[in-house]
Amino acid sequence: MDVEEIREIILGILQELHEDIDFEAEEKMVDDKILDSFDLVTLVTELGEEFDVEITAKDFVAENFNSLDTLSSMIARLLDE
């Protein structure tokens, strides 16, 4: 699975959370509080199930969740581990 495929799947998950947000344009989803703590817990659970990866405390930092690209990079990295 390449990063573009990962990105499309994550975008779908994010759009299920908030269909009114343009996630492709957002660069600070956590820092600007676009995603709240409940959204993040839901997102981590869904990403774990979708990609069969474990997002640990060391990965659960704002930098990894601020944009669609950083999320995609994190998942790609976890899939390679």
C-alpha atoms as a PDB file:
ATOM      1  CA  MET A   1       0.000   0.000   0.000  1.00  0.00           C
ATOM      2  CA  ASP A   2       1.492   3.346  -0.988  1.00  0.00           C
ATOM      3  CA  VAL A   3       1.179   6.671   0.815  1.00  0.00           C
ATOM      4  CA  GLU A   4      -1.462   7.933  -1.624  1.00  0.00           C
ATOM      5  CA  GLU A   5      -3.729   4.954  -0.877  1.00  0.00           C
ATOM      6  CA  ILE A   6      -3.161   5.437   2.844  1.00  0.00           C
ATOM      7  CA  ARG A   7      -3.968   9.137   2.472  1.00  0.00           C
ATOM      8  CA  GLU A   8      -7.299   8.421   0.725  1.00  0.00           C
ATOM      9  CA  ILE A   9      -8.380   5.948   3.416  1.00  0.00           C
ATOM     10  CA  ILE A  10      -7.474   8.389   6.206  1.00  0.00           C
ATOM     11  CA  LEU A  11      -9.320  11.186   4.417  1.00  0.00           C
ATOM     12  CA  GLY A  12     -12.429   9.013   4.351  1.00  0.00           C
ATOM     13  CA  ILE A  13     -12.155   8.349   8.082  1.00  0.00           C
ATOM     14  CA  LEU A  14     -11.687  12.055   8.827  1.00  0.00           C
ATOM     15  CA  GLN A  15     -14.664  12.993   6.651  1.00  0.00           C
ATOM     16  CA  GLU A  16     -16.823  10.559   8.609  1.00  0.00           C
ATOM     17  CA  LEU A  17     -15.841  12.447  11.774  1.00  0.00           C
ATOM     18  CA  HIS A  18     -16.504  15.932  10.330  1.00  0.00           C
ATOM     19  CA  GLU A  19     -17.881  16.139   6.808  1.00  0.00           C
ATOM     20  CA  ASP A  20     -17.889  19.952   6.896  1.00  0.00           C
ATOM     21  CA  ILE A  21     -14.091  20.336   7.209  1.00  0.00           C
ATOM     22  CA  ASP A  22     -11.642  20.473   4.285  1.00  0.00           C
ATOM     23  CA  PHE A  23      -9.047  18.129   5.755  1.00  0.00           C
ATOM     24  CA  GLU A  24      -6.832  18.390   2.670  1.00  0.00           C
ATOM     25  CA  ALA A  25      -6.277  22.085   3.449  1.00  0.00           C
ATOM     26  CA  GLU A  26      -5.859  21.827   7.229  1.00  0.00           C
ATOM     27  CA  GLU A  27      -2.313  21.911   8.582  1.00  0.00           C
ATOM     28  CA  LYS A  28      -3.014  22.263  12.323  1.00  0.00           C
ATOM     29  CA  MET A  29      -5.973  20.009  13.097  1.00  0.00           C
ATOM     30  CA  VAL A  30      -4.838  19.443  16.693  1.00  0.00           C
ATOM     31  CA  ASP A  31      -3.169  22.787  17.392  1.00  0.00           C
ATOM     32  CA  ASP A  32      -6.226  24.704  16.122  1.00  0.00           C
ATOM     33  CA  LYS A  33      -8.567  22.332  18.005  1.00  0.00           C
ATOM     34  CA  ILE A  34     -10.356  21.204  14.846  1.00  0.00           C
ATOM     35  CA  LEU A  35     -10.094  17.689  16.268  1.00  0.00           C
ATOM     36  CA  ASP A  36     -11.001  17.350  19.940  1.00  0.00           C
ATOM     37  CA  SER A  37      -9.917  14.592  22.312  1.00  0.00           C
ATOM     38  CA  PHE A  38     -12.924  12.415  21.469  1.00  0.00           C
ATOM     39  CA  ASP A  39     -12.154  12.778  17.736  1.00  0.00           C
ATOM     40  CA  LEU A  40      -8.545  11.753  18.361  1.00  0.00           C
ATOM     41  CA  VAL A  41      -9.486   8.656  20.356  1.00  0.00           C
ATOM     42  CA  THR A  42     -11.956   7.663  17.634  1.00  0.00           C
ATOM     43  CA  LEU A  43      -9.355   8.330  14.941  1.00  0.00           C
ATOM     44  CA  VAL A  44      -6.669   6.255  16.686  1.00  0.00           C
ATOM     45  CA  THR A  45      -9.113   3.365  17.092  1.00  0.00           C
ATOM     46  CA  GLU A  46     -10.262   3.493  13.477  1.00  0.00           C
ATOM     47  CA  LEU A  47      -6.721   3.833  12.108  1.00  0.00           C
ATOM     48  CA  GLY A  48      -5.608   0.881  14.199  1.00  0.00           C
ATOM     49  CA  GLU A  49      -8.448  -1.262  12.897  1.00  0.00           C
ATOM     50  CA  GLU A  50      -8.198  -0.138   9.272  1.00  0.00           C
ATOM     51  CA  PHE A  51      -4.432  -0.551   8.940  1.00  0.00           C
ATOM     52  CA  ASP A  52      -3.821  -3.179  11.642  1.00  0.00           C
ATOM     53  CA  VAL A  53      -1.258  -0.978  13.401  1.00  0.00           C
ATOM     54  CA  GLU A  54      -0.783   0.012  17.017  1.00  0.00           C
ATOM     55  CA  ILE A  55      -0.484   3.731  17.674  1.00  0.00           C
ATOM     56  CA  THR A  56       1.476   3.981  20.908  1.00  0.00           C
ATOM     57  CA  ALA A  57       2.029   6.868  23.299  1.00  0.00           C
ATOM     58  CA  LYS A  58       5.223   7.876  21.470  1.00  0.00           C
ATOM     59  CA  ASP A  59       3.222   8.270  18.235  1.00  0.00           C
ATOM     60  CA  PHE A  60       0.319  10.046  19.928  1.00  0.00           C
ATOM     61  CA  VAL A  61       1.705  13.574  19.561  1.00  0.00           C
ATOM     62  CA  ALA A  62       0.180  16.600  17.883  1.00  0.00           C
ATOM     63  CA  GLU A  63       2.808  16.663  15.124  1.00  0.00           C
ATOM     64  CA  ASN A  64       1.557  13.304  13.827  1.00  0.00           C
ATOM     65  CA  PHE A  65      -2.102  14.353  13.841  1.00  0.00           C
ATOM     66  CA  ASN A  66      -1.976  17.970  12.626  1.00  0.00           C
ATOM     67  CA  SER A  67      -2.516  17.242   8.930  1.00  0.00           C
ATOM     68  CA  LEU A  68      -3.594  14.574   6.503  1.00  0.00           C
ATOM     69  CA  ASP A  69       0.000  14.317   5.263  1.00  0.00           C
ATOM     70  CA  THR A  70       1.513  13.830   8.725  1.00  0.00           C
ATOM     71  CA  LEU A  71      -1.119  11.211   9.554  1.00  0.00           C
ATOM     72  CA  SER A  72      -0.388   9.393   6.287  1.00  0.00           C
ATOM     73  CA  SER A  73       3.356   9.466   6.960  1.00  0.00           C
ATOM     74  CA  MET A  74       2.883   8.077  10.451  1.00  0.00           C
ATOM     75  CA  ILE A  75       0.702   5.196   9.201  1.00  0.00           C
ATOM     76  CA  ALA A  76       3.155   4.425   6.370  1.00  0.00           C
ATOM     77  CA  ARG A  77       5.982   4.307   8.920  1.00  0.00           C
ATOM     78  CA  LEU A  78       3.999   2.042  11.259  1.00  0.00           C
ATOM     79  CA  LEU A  79       3.153  -0.291   8.380  1.00  0.00           C
ATOM     80  CA  ASP A  80       6.869  -0.588   7.562  1.00  0.00           C
ATOM     81  CA  GLU A  81       7.848  -1.476  11.135  1.00  0.00           C
END
